[in-house]
C-alpha atoms as a PDB file:
ATOM      1  CA  MET A   1     -16.616   0.989  14.623  1.00  0.00           C
ATOM      2  CA  ARG A   2     -18.655   3.313  11.938  1.00  0.00           C
ATOM      3  CA  PRO A   3     -20.678   6.250  13.584  1.00  0.00           C
ATOM      4  CA  PRO A   4     -24.829   5.468  13.685  1.00  0.00           C
ATOM      5  CA  LYS A   5     -26.491   6.389  10.964  1.00  0.00           C
ATOM      6  CA  PRO A   6     -28.588   9.669  11.454  1.00  0.00           C
ATOM      7  CA  ASP A   7     -32.394   9.359  11.305  1.00  0.00           C
ATOM      8  CA  SER A   8     -34.068   9.579   7.838  1.00  0.00           C
ATOM      9  CA  ALA A   9     -35.913  12.543   8.741  1.00  0.00           C
ATOM     10  CA  GLY A  10     -32.811  14.847   9.361  1.00  0.00           C
ATOM     11  CA  ASP A  11     -31.481  13.574   5.913  1.00  0.00           C
ATOM     12  CA  GLN A  12     -30.788  16.298   3.581  1.00  0.00           C
ATOM     13  CA  VAL A  13     -33.355  17.101   0.389  1.00  0.00           C
ATOM     14  CA  THR A  14     -31.283  16.734  -2.784  1.00  0.00           C
ATOM     15  CA  GLY A  15     -33.804  18.377  -4.829  1.00  0.00           C
ATOM     16  CA  THR A  16     -34.113  16.016  -6.936  1.00  0.00           C
ATOM     17  CA  SER A  17     -37.517  14.324  -8.477  1.00  0.00           C
ATOM     18  CA  ILE A  18     -39.548  12.032  -6.412  1.00  0.00           C
ATOM     19  CA  ALA A  19     -39.637   9.742  -9.470  1.00  0.00           C
ATOM     20  CA  ASN A  20     -36.598   7.711  -8.501  1.00  0.00           C
ATOM     21  CA  ILE A  21     -35.936   4.058  -7.164  1.00  0.00           C
ATOM     22  CA  ALA A  22     -35.950   4.748  -3.522  1.00  0.00           C
ATOM     23  CA  ASN A  23     -39.498   6.318  -3.870  1.00  0.00           C
ATOM     24  CA  PHE A  24     -40.206   3.433  -5.679  1.00  0.00           C
ATOM     25  CA  LEU A  25     -39.473   0.970  -3.430  1.00  0.00           C
ATOM     26  CA  THR A  26     -41.475   2.942  -0.666  1.00  0.00           C
ATOM     27  CA  MET A  27     -44.273   3.097  -2.385  1.00  0.00           C
ATOM     28  CA  LEU A  28     -44.258  -0.484  -3.558  1.00  0.00           C
ATOM     29  CA  ARG A  29     -43.813  -1.119   0.383  1.00  0.00           C
ATOM     30  CA  ILE A  30     -47.251   0.511   0.826  1.00  0.00           C
ATOM     31  CA  VAL A  31     -48.803  -1.608  -2.113  1.00  0.00           C
ATOM     32  CA  CYS A  32     -47.531  -4.527  -0.259  1.00  0.00           C
ATOM     33  CA  VAL A  33     -49.461  -4.174   2.667  1.00  0.00           C
ATOM     34  CA  PRO A  34     -52.671  -4.691   1.290  1.00  0.00           C
ATOM     35  CA  LEU A  35     -51.684  -7.704  -0.543  1.00  0.00           C
ATOM     36  CA  MET A  36     -50.027  -9.093   2.721  1.00  0.00           C
ATOM     37  CA  VAL A  37     -53.112  -8.456   4.686  1.00  0.00           C
ATOM     38  CA  ALA A  38     -55.167 -10.252   1.561  1.00  0.00           C
ATOM     39  CA  LEU A  39     -53.316 -13.007   1.392  1.00  0.00           C
ATOM     40  CA  LEU A  40     -53.172 -13.526   5.604  1.00  0.00           C
ATOM     41  CA  PHE A  41     -56.827 -13.343   5.686  1.00  0.00           C
ATOM     42  CA  ALA A  42     -57.479 -15.941   2.994  1.00  0.00           C
ATOM     43  CA  GLY A  43     -59.618 -18.992   3.672  1.00  0.00           C
ATOM     44  CA  GLY A  44     -60.333 -17.295   7.004  1.00  0.00           C
ATOM     45  CA  GLY A  45     -56.970 -16.428   8.203  1.00  0.00           C
ATOM     46  CA  HIS A  46     -55.585 -20.120   8.741  1.00  0.00           C
ATOM     47  CA  ASP A  47     -54.735 -21.598   5.283  1.00  0.00           C
ATOM     48  CA  GLN A  48     -51.273 -22.820   6.096  1.00  0.00           C
ATOM     49  CA  ALA A  49     -49.801 -21.641   1.971  1.00  0.00           C
ATOM     50  CA  MET A  50     -51.680 -18.631   2.129  1.00  0.00           C
ATOM     51  CA  ARG A  51     -50.154 -17.253   5.101  1.00  0.00           C
ATOM     52  CA  TRP A  52     -46.476 -18.128   3.657  1.00  0.00           C
ATOM     53  CA  TRP A  53     -47.076 -16.220   1.021  1.00  0.00           C
ATOM     54  CA  ALA A  54     -48.510 -13.754   3.492  1.00  0.00           C
ATOM     55  CA  ALA A  55     -45.046 -13.952   5.070  1.00  0.00           C
ATOM     56  CA  VAL A  56     -42.739 -14.108   1.494  1.00  0.00           C
ATOM     57  CA  VAL A  57     -44.993 -10.343   0.989  1.00  0.00           C
ATOM     58  CA  PHE A  58     -44.255  -9.306   4.450  1.00  0.00           C
ATOM     59  CA  VAL A  59     -40.269 -10.388   4.682  1.00  0.00           C
ATOM     60  CA  PHE A  60     -40.063  -8.980   0.889  1.00  0.00           C
ATOM     61  CA  ALA A  61     -41.053  -5.412   1.858  1.00  0.00           C
ATOM     62  CA  ALA A  62     -39.155  -5.374   4.948  1.00  0.00           C
ATOM     63  CA  LEU A  63     -36.338  -5.936   3.178  1.00  0.00           C
ATOM     64  CA  THR A  64     -37.012  -3.032   0.551  1.00  0.00           C
ATOM     65  CA  ASP A  65     -37.124  -0.770   4.563  1.00  0.00           C
ATOM     66  CA  LEU A  66     -33.531  -1.768   4.184  1.00  0.00           C
ATOM     67  CA  LEU A  67     -32.492  -0.693   0.677  1.00  0.00           C
ATOM     68  CA  ASP A  68     -34.542   2.420   0.030  1.00  0.00           C
ATOM     69  CA  GLY A  69     -33.087   4.594   2.839  1.00  0.00           C
ATOM     70  CA  VAL A  70     -29.211   3.258   2.115  1.00  0.00           C
ATOM     71  CA  ILE A  71     -30.054   3.798  -2.146  1.00  0.00           C
ATOM     72  CA  ALA A  72     -31.599   7.218  -1.432  1.00  0.00           C
ATOM     73  CA  ARG A  73     -28.298   8.786   0.967  1.00  0.00           C
ATOM     74  CA  ARG A  74     -25.856   6.764  -1.123  1.00  0.00           C
ATOM     75  CA  ARG A  75     -27.361   8.350  -4.689  1.00  0.00           C
ATOM     76  CA  GLY A  76     -28.451  11.622  -3.537  1.00  0.00           C
ATOM     77  CA  LEU A  77     -32.225  10.576  -4.000  1.00  0.00           C
ATOM     78  CA  VAL A  78     -33.336  12.657  -0.625  1.00  0.00           C
ATOM     79  CA  THR A  79     -36.610  13.791  -1.210  1.00  0.00           C
ATOM     80  CA  ASN A  80     -39.378  15.498   1.449  1.00  0.00           C
ATOM     81  CA  PHE A  81     -41.757  13.170  -0.211  1.00  0.00           C
ATOM     82  CA  GLY A  82     -39.295  10.423   0.404  1.00  0.00           C
ATOM     83  CA  LYS A  83     -38.995  11.352   4.127  1.00  0.00           C
ATOM     84  CA  ILE A  84     -42.413  11.413   5.090  1.00  0.00           C
ATOM     85  CA  ALA A  85     -43.530   8.673   3.206  1.00  0.00           C
ATOM     86  CA  ASP A  86     -40.763   6.324   4.374  1.00  0.00           C
ATOM     87  CA  PRO A  87     -41.648   6.398   8.050  1.00  0.00           C
ATOM     88  CA  ILE A  88     -45.821   6.179   6.440  1.00  0.00           C
ATOM     89  CA  ALA A  89     -44.559   2.915   5.007  1.00  0.00           C
ATOM     90  CA  ASP A  90     -43.155   1.247   7.973  1.00  0.00           C
ATOM     91  CA  LYS A  91     -45.597   1.990  10.379  1.00  0.00           C
ATOM     92  CA  ALA A  92     -48.397   0.890   7.779  1.00  0.00           C
ATOM     93  CA  LEU A  93     -46.493  -2.725   7.316  1.00  0.00           C
ATOM     94  CA  ILE A  94     -45.641  -3.369  10.824  1.00  0.00           C
ATOM     95  CA  GLY A  95     -49.274  -2.069  11.691  1.00  0.00           C
ATOM     96  CA  ALA A  96     -51.447  -4.010   9.363  1.00  0.00           C
ATOM     97  CA  ALA A  97     -49.000  -7.537  10.406  1.00  0.00           C
ATOM     98  CA  LEU A  98     -49.482  -6.330  14.201  1.00  0.00           C
ATOM     99  CA  VAL A  99     -53.756  -6.297  14.191  1.00  0.00           C
ATOM    100  CA  SER A 100     -54.279  -8.575  10.997  1.00  0.00           C
ATOM    101  CA  LEU A 101     -52.704 -11.015  13.240  1.00  0.00           C
ATOM    102  CA  SER A 102     -55.037  -9.953  16.719  1.00  0.00           C
ATOM    103  CA  LEU A 103     -58.528  -9.291  14.614  1.00  0.00           C
ATOM    104  CA  LEU A 104     -57.568 -13.400  13.805  1.00  0.00           C
ATOM    105  CA  GLY A 105     -56.618 -14.219  17.269  1.00  0.00           C
ATOM    106  CA  ASP A 106     -53.150 -15.441  16.900  1.00  0.00           C
ATOM    107  CA  LEU A 107     -51.700 -11.957  18.360  1.00  0.00           C
ATOM    108  CA  ALA A 108     -52.987 -10.441  22.204  1.00  0.00           C
ATOM    109  CA  TRP A 109     -54.446  -7.153  21.540  1.00  0.00           C
ATOM    110  CA  TRP A 110     -51.857  -5.909  24.166  1.00  0.00           C
ATOM    111  CA  VAL A 111     -48.985  -6.154  22.376  1.00  0.00           C
ATOM    112  CA  THR A 112     -50.194  -4.789  19.357  1.00  0.00           C
ATOM    113  CA  ILE A 113     -51.697  -1.601  21.132  1.00  0.00           C
ATOM    114  CA  VAL A 114     -47.968  -1.740  22.803  1.00  0.00           C
ATOM    115  CA  ILE A 115     -45.904  -1.478  19.788  1.00  0.00           C
ATOM    116  CA  LEU A 116     -47.925   0.785  17.660  1.00  0.00           C
ATOM    117  CA  VAL A 117     -48.169   3.647  20.958  1.00  0.00           C
ATOM    118  CA  ARG A 118     -44.537   3.321  20.580  1.00  0.00           C
ATOM    119  CA  GLU A 119     -43.841   3.466  17.019  1.00  0.00           C
ATOM    120  CA  VAL A 120     -46.681   5.846  15.875  1.00  0.00           C
ATOM    121  CA  GLY A 121     -45.218   8.258  19.220  1.00  0.00           C
ATOM    122  CA  VAL A 122     -41.322   7.978  18.303  1.00  0.00           C
ATOM    123  CA  THR A 123     -42.756   8.913  14.651  1.00  0.00           C
ATOM    124  CA  ALA A 124     -44.498  11.870  16.292  1.00  0.00           C
ATOM    125  CA  LEU A 125     -41.370  12.634  18.598  1.00  0.00           C
ATOM    126  CA  ARG A 126     -38.893  12.674  15.657  1.00  0.00           C
ATOM    127  CA  PHE A 127     -40.499  15.369  13.915  1.00  0.00           C
ATOM    128  CA  TRP A 128     -41.033  17.688  16.721  1.00  0.00           C
ATOM    129  CA  VAL A 129     -37.403  17.968  17.697  1.00  0.00           C
ATOM    130  CA  ILE A 130     -36.431  17.499  14.264  1.00  0.00           C
ATOM    131  CA  GLU A 131     -35.964  21.708  14.056  1.00  0.00           C
ATOM    132  CA  HIS A 132     -33.392  21.245  17.027  1.00  0.00           C
ATOM    133  CA  GLY A 133     -31.111  18.391  15.259  1.00  0.00           C
ATOM    134  CA  VAL A 134     -30.917  14.976  14.786  1.00  0.00           C
ATOM    135  CA  ILE A 135     -31.507  11.880  16.923  1.00  0.00           C
ATOM    136  CA  PRO A 136     -29.301   9.267  15.806  1.00  0.00           C
ATOM    137  CA  ALA A 137     -30.487   5.971  15.042  1.00  0.00           C
ATOM    138  CA  SER A 138     -29.675   3.708  18.007  1.00  0.00           C
ATOM    139  CA  ARG A 139     -28.616  -0.335  17.391  1.00  0.00           C
ATOM    140  CA  GLY A 140     -31.014  -0.874  19.594  1.00  0.00           C
ATOM    141  CA  GLY A 141     -33.199   0.457  17.666  1.00  0.00           C
ATOM    142  CA  LYS A 142     -32.077  -1.611  14.297  1.00  0.00           C
ATOM    143  CA  VAL A 143     -32.049  -4.628  16.922  1.00  0.00           C
ATOM    144  CA  LYS A 144     -35.806  -4.004  18.001  1.00  0.00           C
ATOM    145  CA  THR A 145     -36.602  -3.220  13.938  1.00  0.00           C
ATOM    146  CA  VAL A 146     -35.156  -7.015  13.360  1.00  0.00           C
ATOM    147  CA  ALA A 147     -37.127  -8.787  16.546  1.00  0.00           C
ATOM    148  CA  GLN A 148     -40.263  -7.393  15.567  1.00  0.00           C
ATOM    149  CA  GLY A 149     -40.034  -8.330  12.027  1.00  0.00           C
ATOM    150  CA  ILE A 150     -38.323 -11.858  13.034  1.00  0.00           C
ATOM    151  CA  ALA A 151     -41.072 -12.526  15.276  1.00  0.00           C
ATOM    152  CA  ILE A 152     -44.194 -11.393  12.908  1.00  0.00           C
ATOM    153  CA  THR A 153     -42.738 -13.325  10.451  1.00  0.00           C
ATOM    154  CA  MET A 154     -43.012 -16.409  12.935  1.00  0.00           C
ATOM    155  CA  TYR A 155     -46.657 -15.511  13.576  1.00  0.00           C
ATOM    156  CA  LEU A 156     -47.593 -15.660  10.254  1.00  0.00           C
ATOM    157  CA  LEU A 157     -45.766 -18.611   9.417  1.00  0.00           C
ATOM    158  CA  GLN A 158     -47.885 -21.800  10.900  1.00  0.00           C
ATOM    159  CA  PHE A 159     -46.956 -25.258  11.637  1.00  0.00           C
ATOM    160  CA  PRO A 160     -49.737 -26.560  12.893  1.00  0.00           C
ATOM    161  CA  ASP A 161     -48.242 -30.265  14.108  1.00  0.00           C
ATOM    162  CA  SER A 162     -45.140 -28.142  15.936  1.00  0.00           C
ATOM    163  CA  SER A 163     -45.110 -27.998  19.465  1.00  0.00           C
ATOM    164  CA  TRP A 164     -42.569 -25.421  20.086  1.00  0.00           C
ATOM    165  CA  TRP A 165     -43.226 -23.403  17.282  1.00  0.00           C
ATOM    166  CA  PRO A 166     -45.755 -21.424  18.840  1.00  0.00           C
ATOM    167  CA  VAL A 167     -43.535 -20.976  22.093  1.00  0.00           C
ATOM    168  CA  ALA A 168     -40.587 -19.668  20.075  1.00  0.00           C
ATOM    169  CA  SER A 169     -43.149 -17.387  18.203  1.00  0.00           C
ATOM    170  CA  MET A 170     -44.391 -15.933  21.892  1.00  0.00           C
ATOM    171  CA  VAL A 171     -40.645 -15.779  23.062  1.00  0.00           C
ATOM    172  CA  MET A 172     -39.140 -13.630  20.013  1.00  0.00           C
ATOM    173  CA  MET A 173     -42.500 -11.282  20.517  1.00  0.00           C
ATOM    174  CA  ALA A 174     -41.957 -10.887  23.965  1.00  0.00           C
ATOM    175  CA  ILE A 175     -38.147  -9.584  23.169  1.00  0.00           C
ATOM    176  CA  ALA A 176     -39.856  -7.929  20.668  1.00  0.00           C
ATOM    177  CA  VAL A 177     -41.702  -5.681  22.746  1.00  0.00           C
ATOM    178  CA  ALA A 178     -39.240  -5.323  25.588  1.00  0.00           C
ATOM    179  CA  LEU A 179     -36.980  -4.093  22.549  1.00  0.00           C
ATOM    180  CA  THR A 180     -39.761  -1.804  21.767  1.00  0.00           C
ATOM    181  CA  LEU A 181     -40.680  -0.133  25.005  1.00  0.00           C
ATOM    182  CA  ALA A 182     -36.868  -0.004  25.923  1.00  0.00           C
ATOM    183  CA  THR A 183     -35.377   1.750  22.509  1.00  0.00           C
ATOM    184  CA  GLY A 184     -38.497   3.815  22.324  1.00  0.00           C
ATOM    185  CA  LEU A 185     -37.934   5.246  26.371  1.00  0.00           C
ATOM    186  CA  ASP A 186     -34.429   5.560  25.222  1.00  0.00           C
ATOM    187  CA  TYR A 187     -35.885   8.456  22.517  1.00  0.00           C
ATOM    188  CA  VAL A 188     -37.629  10.178  24.567  1.00  0.00           C
ATOM    189  CA  VAL A 189     -35.172  10.770  26.668  1.00  0.00           C
ATOM    190  CA  ARG A 190     -32.608  11.972  23.780  1.00  0.00           C
ATOM    191  CA  ALA A 191     -35.507  13.861  22.715  1.00  0.00           C
ATOM    192  CA  MET A 192     -35.635  15.713  25.789  1.00  0.00           C
ATOM    193  CA  ARG A 193     -32.447  16.856  26.169  1.00  0.00           C
ATOM    194  CA  LEU A 194     -32.352  17.763  22.562  1.00  0.00           C
ATOM    195  CA  ARG A 195     -34.422  20.114  22.998  1.00  0.00           C
ATOM    196  CA  ALA A 196     -33.743  20.983  26.391  1.00  0.00           C
ATOM    197  CA  SER A 197     -30.378  21.835  24.942  1.00  0.00           C
ATOM    198  CA  ALA A 198     -31.576  23.341  21.466  1.00  0.00           C
ATOM    199  CA  GLU A 199     -33.475  25.855  23.770  1.00  0.00           C
ATOM    200  CA  THR A 200     -30.931  26.474  26.276  1.00  0.00           C
ATOM    201  CA  VAL A 201     -28.172  27.649  23.377  1.00  0.00           C
ATOM    202  CA  SER A 202     -31.361  29.737  22.038  1.00  0.00           C
ATOM    203  CA  SER A 203     -31.984  31.553  25.668  1.00  0.00           C
ATOM    204  CA  GLY A 204     -28.109  32.278  25.584  1.00  0.00           C
ATOM    205  CA  SER A 205     -27.866  34.058  22.204  1.00  0.00           C
ATOM    206  CA  ARG A 206     -30.582  36.063  22.583  1.00  0.00           C
ATOM    207  CA  SER A 207     -29.460  37.433  26.362  1.00  0.00           C
END
């Protein structure tokens, strides 16, 4: 069984140039965000062909999220720029898709708010505790990310003549929201334990 992948915010910087393939993929993901939004809103937001292209761009961008971290660690291309830009790109992609769907009336605003508050909060929490140690990314977190990606893709795609697709999309999004809340709570608990443990050790060393 493989150990859980460490939080990318704790990866050791290698001193390599920021002009590398891993950072290129991260920046490409950021560039994909306005492109996806433009495609989604083309034709008033309900042009089926444009929404499919928006979904293609979203899936492509999501795949770059899987690749850039792996490439950076395996090739020794971890940079401070990448550690900051990567989570920003992730949140921008997910956030733009959710907000756009809510603006179009396809997704309830409370869903968008819950997911974004969790994602931004966990990112802030990650940097709050990074000086005390690294919190390994849980398998639940990975499943959550996949569930969010699938749910958003399903909402981007439209099948006007289908009666079951909207229901399936809602169920998938409900699963994504549940995983988002559960893994967010788990991350908060682990972060608090890590910080408390680090402070206890620090206090002990001073006494």
